[in-house]
Amino acid sequence: MDYPEGIYRTKEDFLKKIPTEKKELVAKTIYVSGRKVIDTIPDHCAFYYKENDKKVKKTFAICYRGNLYFQAGFILKHRNKEDKSQTTNFPNTFCRVRIAGQNFLYTELELANAWKQNLGHGLGGAVGGVIASNAIQPKGIVWDFKNEEFNIFRSCKDYNDFIQDKYPEGVQECDSREPDLLQVRAAMEIIK
């Protein structure tokens, strides 16, 4: 990846590879109780300005210590129109790009099907809570340079639809609703 260190507020800045600003940042855990500084390279985190400890918000991407991160809220804002049912409880968190290439940037993020989650919340009680929490699953996501949008692998079938014409050997047996993320990563290494 050849993105200069910095904060990319907009998709346009990201596409031009020109940071909107270059300020020193600190990565912290996303847990509400006791956010702690992360000294290693995190897969998921929240970023804070070192100068005033304010959370970085409304940002498309950040290049931090040579790693590129996308903000969850901007993944949802710039997603493929077929992925509208996906949502997150933490829109200001960031996920690290795991695989980078000329065609795609691949990352993973815990997302939920909004309808299923709302059904659980609507039912209430223990059963509703279980339904709502089971709606949250780790999802594979690609930034598609050609289409300038994120494509979220909502299900195993959705992933197979994406990979079929690019790498037929990457099609998965859909034993469960979710694709096997290890197999997804292996396929992304090939088509990146």
N, C-alpha and C. Protein backbone atom coordinates (compact mmCIF):
# COMPACT_ATOMS: atom_id res chain seq x y z
N MET A 1 0.84 -1.18 0.00
CA MET A 1 0.00 0.00 0.00
C MET A 1 0.88 1.23 0.00
N ASP A 2 0.55 2.15 -0.83
CA ASP A 2 1.36 3.36 -0.90
C ASP A 2 0.55 4.60 -0.53
N TYR A 3 -0.08 4.52 0.63
CA TYR A 3 -0.82 5.66 1.16
C TYR A 3 0.04 6.36 2.20
N PRO A 4 0.26 7.67 2.05
CA PRO A 4 1.02 8.40 3.06
C PRO A 4 0.29 8.40 4.41
N GLU A 5 1.06 8.43 5.48
CA GLU A 5 0.48 8.50 6.82
C GLU A 5 -0.44 9.71 6.91
N GLY A 6 -1.56 9.55 7.57
CA GLY A 6 -2.45 10.68 7.77
C GLY A 6 -3.91 10.29 7.78
N ILE A 7 -4.74 11.32 7.85
CA ILE A 7 -6.19 11.18 7.96
C ILE A 7 -6.81 11.57 6.62
N TYR A 8 -7.62 10.68 6.07
CA TYR A 8 -8.32 10.90 4.80
C TYR A 8 -9.79 11.10 5.12
N ARG A 9 -10.20 12.34 5.22
CA ARG A 9 -11.58 12.66 5.64
C ARG A 9 -12.61 12.18 4.62
N THR A 10 -12.29 12.29 3.34
CA THR A 10 -13.28 12.00 2.30
C THR A 10 -12.80 10.88 1.38
N LYS A 11 -13.74 10.30 0.69
CA LYS A 11 -13.43 9.29 -0.32
C LYS A 11 -12.54 9.90 -1.40
N GLU A 12 -12.80 11.14 -1.76
CA GLU A 12 -12.02 11.80 -2.80
C GLU A 12 -10.55 11.96 -2.39
N ASP A 13 -10.30 12.35 -1.14
CA ASP A 13 -8.91 12.45 -0.65
C ASP A 13 -8.24 11.08 -0.69
N PHE A 14 -8.99 10.06 -0.31
CA PHE A 14 -8.47 8.70 -0.32
C PHE A 14 -8.10 8.28 -1.74
N LEU A 15 -8.99 8.54 -2.69
CA LEU A 15 -8.73 8.15 -4.08
C LEU A 15 -7.51 8.89 -4.66
N LYS A 16 -7.32 10.14 -4.23
CA LYS A 16 -6.15 10.93 -4.69
C LYS A 16 -4.88 10.60 -3.90
N LYS A 17 -5.03 9.84 -2.82
CA LYS A 17 -3.92 9.49 -1.92
C LYS A 17 -3.27 10.72 -1.31
N ILE A 18 -4.12 11.70 -0.99
CA ILE A 18 -3.65 12.93 -0.35
C ILE A 18 -4.36 13.08 1.00
N PRO A 19 -3.61 12.93 2.12
CA PRO A 19 -4.25 13.07 3.42
C PRO A 19 -4.84 14.46 3.63
N THR A 20 -6.00 14.52 4.24
CA THR A 20 -6.64 15.78 4.57
C THR A 20 -5.85 16.49 5.66
N GLU A 21 -5.36 15.71 6.61
CA GLU A 21 -4.53 16.26 7.69
C GLU A 21 -3.57 15.20 8.20
N LYS A 22 -2.49 15.69 8.76
CA LYS A 22 -1.48 14.80 9.34
C LYS A 22 -1.27 15.20 10.79
N LYS A 23 -2.00 14.52 11.65
CA LYS A 23 -1.88 14.77 13.09
C LYS A 23 -1.52 13.47 13.77
N GLU A 24 -0.83 13.58 14.88
CA GLU A 24 -0.44 12.39 15.62
C GLU A 24 -1.67 11.77 16.28
N LEU A 25 -1.81 10.47 16.10
CA LEU A 25 -2.98 9.74 16.61
C LEU A 25 -2.56 8.67 17.60
N VAL A 26 -3.53 8.27 18.41
CA VAL A 26 -3.36 7.17 19.36
C VAL A 26 -4.50 6.19 19.11
N ALA A 27 -4.16 4.90 19.00
CA ALA A 27 -5.18 3.86 18.84
C ALA A 27 -5.58 3.37 20.22
N LYS A 28 -6.91 3.22 20.42
CA LYS A 28 -7.42 2.72 21.70
C LYS A 28 -8.45 1.63 21.45
N THR A 29 -8.66 0.81 22.48
CA THR A 29 -9.67 -0.24 22.39
C THR A 29 -11.04 0.39 22.21
N ILE A 30 -11.97 -0.39 21.68
CA ILE A 30 -13.30 0.14 21.41
C ILE A 30 -14.29 -0.12 22.54
N TYR A 31 -13.86 -0.80 23.60
CA TYR A 31 -14.75 -1.13 24.69
C TYR A 31 -15.16 0.13 25.45
N VAL A 32 -16.44 0.22 25.75
CA VAL A 32 -16.98 1.40 26.43
C VAL A 32 -16.37 1.56 27.81
N SER A 33 -16.22 0.45 28.52
CA SER A 33 -15.65 0.53 29.88
C SER A 33 -14.13 0.45 29.81
N GLY A 34 -13.47 1.53 30.12
CA GLY A 34 -12.02 1.55 30.19
C GLY A 34 -11.29 1.43 28.88
N ARG A 35 -11.39 2.43 28.02
CA ARG A 35 -10.64 2.41 26.77
C ARG A 35 -9.15 2.48 27.09
N LYS A 36 -8.40 1.56 26.51
CA LYS A 36 -6.97 1.49 26.78
C LYS A 36 -6.19 1.74 25.49
N VAL A 37 -5.01 2.35 25.63
CA VAL A 37 -4.13 2.58 24.49
C VAL A 37 -3.63 1.23 23.99
N ILE A 38 -3.58 1.07 22.67
CA ILE A 38 -3.08 -0.16 22.05
C ILE A 38 -1.70 0.15 21.48
N ASP A 39 -0.69 -0.54 21.97
CA ASP A 39 0.68 -0.30 21.50
C ASP A 39 1.02 -1.10 20.25
N THR A 40 0.32 -2.18 20.00
CA THR A 40 0.57 -3.00 18.82
C THR A 40 -0.27 -2.46 17.65
N ILE A 41 -0.20 -3.14 16.51
CA ILE A 41 -1.04 -2.76 15.37
C ILE A 41 -2.38 -3.47 15.52
N PRO A 42 -3.45 -2.75 15.85
CA PRO A 42 -4.74 -3.39 16.09
C PRO A 42 -5.49 -3.70 14.79
N ASP A 43 -6.34 -4.72 14.85
CA ASP A 43 -7.24 -5.01 13.73
C ASP A 43 -8.47 -4.11 13.79
N HIS A 44 -8.92 -3.81 15.01
CA HIS A 44 -10.08 -2.94 15.23
C HIS A 44 -9.74 -1.99 16.36
N CYS A 45 -10.10 -0.72 16.18
CA CYS A 45 -9.80 0.25 17.23
C CYS A 45 -10.59 1.53 16.99
N ALA A 46 -10.43 2.44 17.93
CA ALA A 46 -10.90 3.82 17.76
C ALA A 46 -9.63 4.66 17.77
N PHE A 47 -9.63 5.73 17.00
CA PHE A 47 -8.47 6.62 16.99
C PHE A 47 -8.80 7.92 17.72
N TYR A 48 -7.80 8.41 18.44
CA TYR A 48 -7.91 9.66 19.19
C TYR A 48 -6.74 10.55 18.81
N TYR A 49 -7.01 11.88 18.78
CA TYR A 49 -5.92 12.83 18.56
C TYR A 49 -5.04 12.86 19.79
N LYS A 50 -3.74 12.75 19.59
CA LYS A 50 -2.82 12.72 20.72
C LYS A 50 -2.84 14.06 21.47
N GLU A 51 -3.02 15.17 20.74
CA GLU A 51 -2.95 16.50 21.35
C GLU A 51 -4.07 16.80 22.35
N ASN A 52 -5.27 16.23 22.12
CA ASN A 52 -6.39 16.58 23.01
C ASN A 52 -7.27 15.39 23.43
N ASP A 53 -6.91 14.19 23.01
CA ASP A 53 -7.61 12.95 23.35
C ASP A 53 -9.06 12.94 22.87
N LYS A 54 -9.36 13.67 21.79
CA LYS A 54 -10.71 13.64 21.21
C LYS A 54 -10.76 12.54 20.15
N LYS A 55 -11.89 11.85 20.10
CA LYS A 55 -12.06 10.76 19.15
C LYS A 55 -12.13 11.29 17.72
N VAL A 56 -11.48 10.58 16.80
CA VAL A 56 -11.55 10.92 15.38
C VAL A 56 -12.89 10.41 14.86
N LYS A 57 -13.65 11.32 14.25
CA LYS A 57 -14.96 10.99 13.71
C LYS A 57 -15.05 11.47 12.27
N LYS A 58 -16.08 11.01 11.57
CA LYS A 58 -16.38 11.44 10.20
C LYS A 58 -15.13 11.43 9.32
N THR A 59 -14.55 10.24 9.22
CA THR A 59 -13.31 10.06 8.48
C THR A 59 -13.40 8.80 7.63
N PHE A 60 -13.09 8.91 6.36
CA PHE A 60 -13.15 7.77 5.45
C PHE A 60 -12.09 6.72 5.80
N ALA A 61 -10.83 7.17 5.94
CA ALA A 61 -9.73 6.23 6.20
C ALA A 61 -8.60 6.92 6.94
N ILE A 62 -7.75 6.11 7.54
CA ILE A 62 -6.55 6.59 8.22
C ILE A 62 -5.40 5.65 7.87
N CYS A 63 -4.25 6.22 7.55
CA CYS A 63 -3.04 5.42 7.43
C CYS A 63 -2.24 5.67 8.70
N TYR A 64 -2.06 4.60 9.49
CA TYR A 64 -1.46 4.68 10.82
C TYR A 64 -0.37 3.62 10.93
N ARG A 65 0.85 4.07 11.15
CA ARG A 65 2.00 3.16 11.27
C ARG A 65 2.11 2.23 10.06
N GLY A 66 1.85 2.77 8.88
CA GLY A 66 1.98 1.99 7.64
C GLY A 66 0.81 1.08 7.35
N ASN A 67 -0.24 1.11 8.16
CA ASN A 67 -1.43 0.29 7.96
C ASN A 67 -2.62 1.17 7.64
N LEU A 68 -3.43 0.71 6.71
CA LEU A 68 -4.61 1.46 6.31
C LEU A 68 -5.82 0.95 7.08
N TYR A 69 -6.64 1.89 7.54
CA TYR A 69 -7.86 1.59 8.30
C TYR A 69 -9.04 2.31 7.67
N PHE A 70 -10.19 1.62 7.60
CA PHE A 70 -11.43 2.25 7.16
C PHE A 70 -12.35 2.43 8.36
N GLN A 71 -13.07 3.55 8.37
CA GLN A 71 -14.03 3.77 9.45
C GLN A 71 -15.33 3.04 9.13
N ALA A 72 -15.89 2.36 10.13
CA ALA A 72 -17.09 1.55 9.95
C ALA A 72 -18.25 2.34 9.34
N GLY A 73 -18.49 3.54 9.84
CA GLY A 73 -19.58 4.36 9.33
C GLY A 73 -19.42 4.71 7.86
N PHE A 74 -18.19 4.90 7.42
CA PHE A 74 -17.95 5.23 6.01
C PHE A 74 -18.02 3.99 5.13
N ILE A 75 -17.73 2.82 5.69
CA ILE A 75 -17.95 1.58 4.93
C ILE A 75 -19.43 1.48 4.61
N LEU A 76 -20.27 1.75 5.60
CA LEU A 76 -21.72 1.67 5.38
C LEU A 76 -22.22 2.79 4.47
N LYS A 77 -21.61 3.95 4.54
CA LYS A 77 -22.02 5.07 3.70
C LYS A 77 -21.68 4.83 2.22
N HIS A 78 -20.57 4.15 1.96
CA HIS A 78 -20.10 3.95 0.59
C HIS A 78 -20.18 2.49 0.16
N ARG A 79 -21.20 1.79 0.65
CA ARG A 79 -21.35 0.38 0.33
C ARG A 79 -22.17 0.18 -0.95
N ASN A 80 -22.02 -1.00 -1.50
CA ASN A 80 -22.81 -1.43 -2.64
C ASN A 80 -24.29 -1.37 -2.26
N LYS A 81 -25.15 -0.98 -3.18
CA LYS A 81 -26.58 -0.81 -2.87
C LYS A 81 -27.24 -2.10 -2.41
N GLU A 82 -26.68 -3.26 -2.75
CA GLU A 82 -27.24 -4.54 -2.31
C GLU A 82 -26.99 -4.79 -0.82
N ASP A 83 -26.08 -4.03 -0.22
CA ASP A 83 -25.67 -4.26 1.17
C ASP A 83 -26.37 -3.34 2.17
N LYS A 84 -27.48 -2.76 1.80
CA LYS A 84 -28.16 -1.76 2.64
C LYS A 84 -28.65 -2.30 3.98
N SER A 85 -28.86 -3.60 4.10
CA SER A 85 -29.39 -4.15 5.35
C SER A 85 -28.34 -4.24 6.46
N GLN A 86 -27.08 -4.00 6.15
CA GLN A 86 -26.01 -4.15 7.14
C GLN A 86 -25.88 -2.89 8.00
N THR A 87 -25.57 -3.09 9.29
CA THR A 87 -25.44 -1.98 10.23
C THR A 87 -24.39 -2.31 11.29
N THR A 88 -24.00 -1.29 12.05
CA THR A 88 -23.04 -1.48 13.14
C THR A 88 -23.45 -0.61 14.32
N ASN A 89 -23.07 -1.06 15.51
CA ASN A 89 -23.31 -0.27 16.72
C ASN A 89 -22.15 0.69 16.98
N PHE A 90 -21.06 0.55 16.24
CA PHE A 90 -19.85 1.35 16.49
C PHE A 90 -19.37 2.02 15.20
N PRO A 91 -20.10 3.02 14.69
CA PRO A 91 -19.74 3.63 13.41
C PRO A 91 -18.42 4.41 13.42
N ASN A 92 -17.94 4.82 14.59
CA ASN A 92 -16.69 5.59 14.65
C ASN A 92 -15.45 4.74 14.90
N THR A 93 -15.61 3.41 14.83
CA THR A 93 -14.44 2.54 14.98
C THR A 93 -13.83 2.27 13.61
N PHE A 94 -12.61 1.76 13.63
CA PHE A 94 -11.86 1.52 12.40
C PHE A 94 -11.44 0.07 12.32
N CYS A 95 -11.36 -0.46 11.10
CA CYS A 95 -10.88 -1.82 10.87
C CYS A 95 -9.72 -1.77 9.90
N ARG A 96 -8.70 -2.58 10.20
CA ARG A 96 -7.45 -2.58 9.43
C ARG A 96 -7.61 -3.37 8.13
N VAL A 97 -7.01 -2.85 7.07
CA VAL A 97 -6.95 -3.57 5.81
C VAL A 97 -6.00 -4.74 6.00
N ARG A 98 -6.48 -5.94 5.77
CA ARG A 98 -5.69 -7.16 5.97
C ARG A 98 -4.95 -7.57 4.71
N ILE A 99 -5.57 -7.34 3.55
CA ILE A 99 -4.98 -7.75 2.27
C ILE A 99 -5.15 -6.58 1.30
N ALA A 100 -4.03 -6.17 0.70
CA ALA A 100 -4.06 -5.02 -0.21
C ALA A 100 -3.52 -5.41 -1.57
N GLY A 101 -4.20 -4.96 -2.60
CA GLY A 101 -3.76 -5.22 -3.97
C GLY A 101 -4.19 -4.10 -4.89
N GLN A 102 -4.02 -4.32 -6.17
CA GLN A 102 -4.37 -3.32 -7.17
C GLN A 102 -5.88 -3.26 -7.44
N ASN A 103 -6.58 -4.38 -7.20
CA ASN A 103 -8.01 -4.45 -7.49
C ASN A 103 -8.88 -4.23 -6.26
N PHE A 104 -8.42 -4.78 -5.12
CA PHE A 104 -9.24 -4.76 -3.91
C PHE A 104 -8.39 -4.51 -2.68
N LEU A 105 -9.03 -3.95 -1.66
CA LEU A 105 -8.50 -3.89 -0.31
C LEU A 105 -9.48 -4.67 0.54
N TYR A 106 -8.98 -5.66 1.29
CA TYR A 106 -9.85 -6.54 2.06
C TYR A 106 -9.72 -6.28 3.55
N THR A 107 -10.86 -6.21 4.23
CA THR A 107 -10.90 -6.04 5.68
C THR A 107 -12.04 -6.86 6.25
N GLU A 108 -12.15 -6.88 7.56
CA GLU A 108 -13.24 -7.58 8.23
C GLU A 108 -13.79 -6.71 9.35
N LEU A 109 -15.10 -6.80 9.55
CA LEU A 109 -15.77 -5.97 10.54
C LEU A 109 -17.00 -6.70 11.04
N GLU A 110 -17.29 -6.56 12.33
CA GLU A 110 -18.51 -7.14 12.87
C GLU A 110 -19.69 -6.25 12.49
N LEU A 111 -20.61 -6.82 11.74
CA LEU A 111 -21.80 -6.12 11.29
C LEU A 111 -23.02 -6.96 11.62
N ALA A 112 -24.18 -6.32 11.57
CA ALA A 112 -25.43 -7.03 11.83
C ALA A 112 -26.42 -6.74 10.72
N ASN A 113 -27.30 -7.70 10.50
CA ASN A 113 -28.43 -7.47 9.62
C ASN A 113 -29.42 -6.62 10.42
N ALA A 114 -29.67 -5.42 9.95
CA ALA A 114 -30.50 -4.46 10.69
C ALA A 114 -31.90 -5.00 10.98
N TRP A 115 -32.49 -5.69 10.02
CA TRP A 115 -33.85 -6.20 10.22
C TRP A 115 -33.88 -7.26 11.32
N LYS A 116 -32.91 -8.17 11.29
CA LYS A 116 -32.86 -9.22 12.30
C LYS A 116 -32.57 -8.62 13.68
N GLN A 117 -31.67 -7.65 13.72
CA GLN A 117 -31.33 -7.03 15.00
C GLN A 117 -32.53 -6.25 15.55
N ASN A 118 -33.23 -5.52 14.69
CA ASN A 118 -34.41 -4.77 15.13
C ASN A 118 -35.53 -5.70 15.60
N LEU A 119 -35.67 -6.85 14.94
CA LEU A 119 -36.65 -7.83 15.38
C LEU A 119 -36.35 -8.28 16.80
N GLY A 120 -35.09 -8.57 17.07
CA GLY A 120 -34.68 -8.99 18.41
C GLY A 120 -34.95 -7.92 19.45
N HIS A 121 -34.58 -6.68 19.12
CA HIS A 121 -34.84 -5.58 20.06
C HIS A 121 -36.34 -5.38 20.27
N GLY A 122 -37.11 -5.56 19.20
CA GLY A 122 -38.57 -5.39 19.28
C GLY A 122 -39.22 -6.45 20.15
N LEU A 123 -38.70 -7.67 20.09
CA LEU A 123 -39.26 -8.75 20.91
C LEU A 123 -38.97 -8.53 22.39
N GLY A 124 -37.79 -7.97 22.66
CA GLY A 124 -37.40 -7.70 24.05
C GLY A 124 -37.13 -8.98 24.81
N GLY A 125 -36.80 -8.83 26.07
CA GLY A 125 -36.53 -9.97 26.94
C GLY A 125 -35.30 -10.74 26.54
N ALA A 126 -35.14 -11.90 27.15
CA ALA A 126 -33.95 -12.73 26.92
C ALA A 126 -33.92 -13.25 25.48
N VAL A 127 -35.05 -13.70 24.95
CA VAL A 127 -35.09 -14.24 23.59
C VAL A 127 -34.74 -13.14 22.58
N GLY A 128 -35.32 -11.98 22.76
CA GLY A 128 -35.02 -10.85 21.87
C GLY A 128 -33.56 -10.46 21.93
N GLY A 129 -32.99 -10.47 23.13
CA GLY A 129 -31.58 -10.14 23.30
C GLY A 129 -30.68 -11.12 22.58
N VAL A 130 -31.02 -12.40 22.64
CA VAL A 130 -30.24 -13.44 21.96
C VAL A 130 -30.33 -13.25 20.45
N ILE A 131 -31.52 -12.99 19.93
CA ILE A 131 -31.70 -12.77 18.49
C ILE A 131 -30.88 -11.56 18.05
N ALA A 132 -30.97 -10.46 18.79
CA ALA A 132 -30.25 -9.24 18.42
C ALA A 132 -28.74 -9.46 18.46
N SER A 133 -28.24 -10.14 19.49
CA SER A 133 -26.80 -10.34 19.59
C SER A 133 -26.30 -11.35 18.57
N ASN A 134 -27.11 -12.34 18.21
CA ASN A 134 -26.72 -13.31 17.18
C ASN A 134 -26.74 -12.71 15.78
N ALA A 135 -27.37 -11.56 15.63
CA ALA A 135 -27.39 -10.89 14.32
C ALA A 135 -26.02 -10.31 13.99
N ILE A 136 -25.18 -10.10 15.00
CA ILE A 136 -23.85 -9.51 14.78
C ILE A 136 -22.87 -10.62 14.42
N GLN A 137 -22.25 -10.50 13.25
CA GLN A 137 -21.31 -11.50 12.76
C GLN A 137 -20.12 -10.80 12.10
N PRO A 138 -18.92 -11.40 12.18
CA PRO A 138 -17.79 -10.84 11.42
C PRO A 138 -18.05 -11.03 9.92
N LYS A 139 -17.87 -9.97 9.17
CA LYS A 139 -18.12 -10.01 7.72
C LYS A 139 -16.85 -9.61 6.97
N GLY A 140 -16.59 -10.29 5.88
CA GLY A 140 -15.53 -9.89 4.98
C GLY A 140 -16.03 -8.72 4.13
N ILE A 141 -15.15 -7.77 3.86
CA ILE A 141 -15.51 -6.57 3.11
C ILE A 141 -14.38 -6.23 2.16
N VAL A 142 -14.71 -5.88 0.93
CA VAL A 142 -13.68 -5.41 0.00
C VAL A 142 -13.98 -3.99 -0.44
N TRP A 143 -12.91 -3.19 -0.54
CA TRP A 143 -12.99 -1.91 -1.23
C TRP A 143 -12.66 -2.24 -2.67
N ASP A 144 -13.60 -2.00 -3.56
CA ASP A 144 -13.47 -2.30 -4.98
C ASP A 144 -13.01 -1.01 -5.69
N PHE A 145 -11.74 -0.98 -6.10
CA PHE A 145 -11.21 0.22 -6.75
C PHE A 145 -11.96 0.57 -8.02
N LYS A 146 -12.32 -0.44 -8.81
CA LYS A 146 -12.99 -0.20 -10.09
C LYS A 146 -14.35 0.49 -9.89
N ASN A 147 -15.13 -0.01 -8.93
CA ASN A 147 -16.47 0.54 -8.69
C ASN A 147 -16.50 1.63 -7.63
N GLU A 148 -15.35 1.86 -6.98
CA GLU A 148 -15.23 2.88 -5.93
C GLU A 148 -16.31 2.74 -4.86
N GLU A 149 -16.43 1.49 -4.35
CA GLU A 149 -17.40 1.21 -3.30
C GLU A 149 -16.96 0.00 -2.50
N PHE A 150 -17.57 -0.16 -1.33
CA PHE A 150 -17.34 -1.33 -0.50
C PHE A 150 -18.36 -2.39 -0.86
N ASN A 151 -17.92 -3.64 -0.86
CA ASN A 151 -18.80 -4.77 -1.07
C ASN A 151 -18.71 -5.64 0.17
N ILE A 152 -19.81 -5.80 0.87
CA ILE A 152 -19.87 -6.57 2.11
C ILE A 152 -20.37 -7.98 1.78
N PHE A 153 -19.64 -8.99 2.25
CA PHE A 153 -20.07 -10.37 2.03
C PHE A 153 -21.11 -10.71 3.10
N ARG A 154 -22.38 -10.46 2.77
CA ARG A 154 -23.48 -10.61 3.72
C ARG A 154 -23.74 -12.06 4.09
N SER A 155 -23.45 -12.97 3.17
CA SER A 155 -23.73 -14.39 3.39
C SER A 155 -22.78 -15.19 2.51
N CYS A 156 -22.80 -16.49 2.69
CA CYS A 156 -21.97 -17.37 1.86
C CYS A 156 -22.38 -17.25 0.39
N LYS A 157 -23.68 -17.21 0.14
CA LYS A 157 -24.17 -17.08 -1.24
C LYS A 157 -23.71 -15.75 -1.85
N ASP A 158 -23.80 -14.69 -1.08
CA ASP A 158 -23.37 -13.37 -1.56
C ASP A 158 -21.88 -13.38 -1.90
N TYR A 159 -21.07 -13.98 -1.02
CA TYR A 159 -19.64 -14.10 -1.31
C TYR A 159 -19.41 -14.90 -2.60
N ASN A 160 -20.11 -16.03 -2.75
CA ASN A 160 -19.95 -16.86 -3.96
C ASN A 160 -20.32 -16.08 -5.22
N ASP A 161 -21.37 -15.26 -5.14
CA ASP A 161 -21.74 -14.42 -6.28
C ASP A 161 -20.60 -13.47 -6.65
N PHE A 162 -19.91 -12.95 -5.65
CA PHE A 162 -18.79 -12.03 -5.89
C PHE A 162 -17.59 -12.75 -6.51
N ILE A 163 -17.23 -13.90 -5.98
CA ILE A 163 -15.97 -14.56 -6.36
C ILE A 163 -16.09 -15.39 -7.63
N GLN A 164 -17.29 -15.84 -7.99
CA GLN A 164 -17.52 -16.79 -9.09
C GLN A 164 -16.78 -16.42 -10.37
N ASP A 165 -16.92 -15.21 -10.86
CA ASP A 165 -16.30 -14.84 -12.14
C ASP A 165 -14.85 -14.40 -12.01
N LYS A 166 -14.41 -14.12 -10.79
CA LYS A 166 -13.03 -13.66 -10.57
C LYS A 166 -12.08 -14.81 -10.28
N TYR A 167 -12.57 -15.81 -9.55
CA TYR A 167 -11.75 -16.94 -9.13
C TYR A 167 -12.68 -18.10 -8.78
N PRO A 168 -13.13 -18.87 -9.78
CA PRO A 168 -14.10 -19.94 -9.54
C PRO A 168 -13.67 -20.96 -8.48
N GLU A 169 -12.35 -21.16 -8.33
CA GLU A 169 -11.86 -22.10 -7.32
C GLU A 169 -12.14 -21.59 -5.90
N GLY A 170 -12.45 -20.31 -5.75
CA GLY A 170 -12.73 -19.73 -4.44
C GLY A 170 -14.16 -19.89 -3.98
N VAL A 171 -15.04 -20.43 -4.84
CA VAL A 171 -16.43 -20.65 -4.46
C VAL A 171 -16.47 -21.66 -3.32
N GLN A 172 -17.31 -21.38 -2.31
CA GLN A 172 -17.39 -22.23 -1.12
C GLN A 172 -18.66 -23.07 -1.10
N GLU A 173 -18.55 -24.24 -0.45
CA GLU A 173 -19.74 -25.02 -0.11
C GLU A 173 -20.40 -24.25 1.03
N CYS A 174 -21.63 -23.92 0.89
CA CYS A 174 -22.29 -23.10 1.91
C CYS A 174 -22.92 -23.99 2.98
N ASP A 175 -22.06 -24.52 3.86
CA ASP A 175 -22.54 -25.37 4.95
C ASP A 175 -23.26 -24.55 6.02
N SER A 176 -22.89 -23.27 6.11
CA SER A 176 -23.56 -22.38 7.06
C SER A 176 -23.92 -21.11 6.32
N ARG A 177 -24.60 -20.24 7.00
CA ARG A 177 -25.03 -18.98 6.38
C ARG A 177 -23.86 -18.07 6.06
N GLU A 178 -22.80 -18.12 6.88
CA GLU A 178 -21.64 -17.25 6.70
C GLU A 178 -20.54 -17.97 5.95
N PRO A 179 -19.80 -17.25 5.08
CA PRO A 179 -18.67 -17.90 4.42
C PRO A 179 -17.53 -18.13 5.41
N ASP A 180 -16.68 -19.09 5.12
CA ASP A 180 -15.50 -19.36 5.93
C ASP A 180 -14.49 -18.24 5.65
N LEU A 181 -14.21 -17.40 6.66
CA LEU A 181 -13.35 -16.24 6.44
C LEU A 181 -11.90 -16.62 6.12
N LEU A 182 -11.44 -17.76 6.59
CA LEU A 182 -10.09 -18.20 6.22
C LEU A 182 -10.01 -18.48 4.72
N GLN A 183 -11.05 -19.11 4.18
CA GLN A 183 -11.09 -19.37 2.74
C GLN A 183 -11.28 -18.08 1.95
N VAL A 184 -12.06 -17.15 2.50
CA VAL A 184 -12.23 -15.85 1.85
C VAL A 184 -10.88 -15.14 1.75
N ARG A 185 -10.12 -15.14 2.85
CA ARG A 185 -8.80 -14.48 2.85
C ARG A 185 -7.88 -15.12 1.82
N ALA A 186 -7.89 -16.45 1.73
CA ALA A 186 -7.04 -17.15 0.76
C ALA A 186 -7.40 -16.74 -0.68
N ALA A 187 -8.70 -16.64 -0.96
CA ALA A 187 -9.13 -16.22 -2.30
C ALA A 187 -8.76 -14.77 -2.57
N MET A 188 -8.89 -13.92 -1.56
CA MET A 188 -8.56 -12.50 -1.73
C MET A 188 -7.06 -12.31 -2.00
N GLU A 189 -6.22 -13.14 -1.40
CA GLU A 189 -4.78 -13.07 -1.68
C GLU A 189 -4.50 -13.32 -3.16
N ILE A 190 -5.32 -14.13 -3.80
CA ILE A 190 -5.11 -14.46 -5.20
C ILE A 190 -5.65 -13.37 -6.13
N ILE A 191 -6.81 -12.82 -5.82
CA ILE A 191 -7.44 -11.85 -6.76
C ILE A 191 -7.15 -10.40 -6.44
N LYS A 192 -6.42 -10.16 -5.36
CA LYS A 192 -6.23 -8.79 -4.86
C LYS A 192 -5.74 -7.85 -5.93
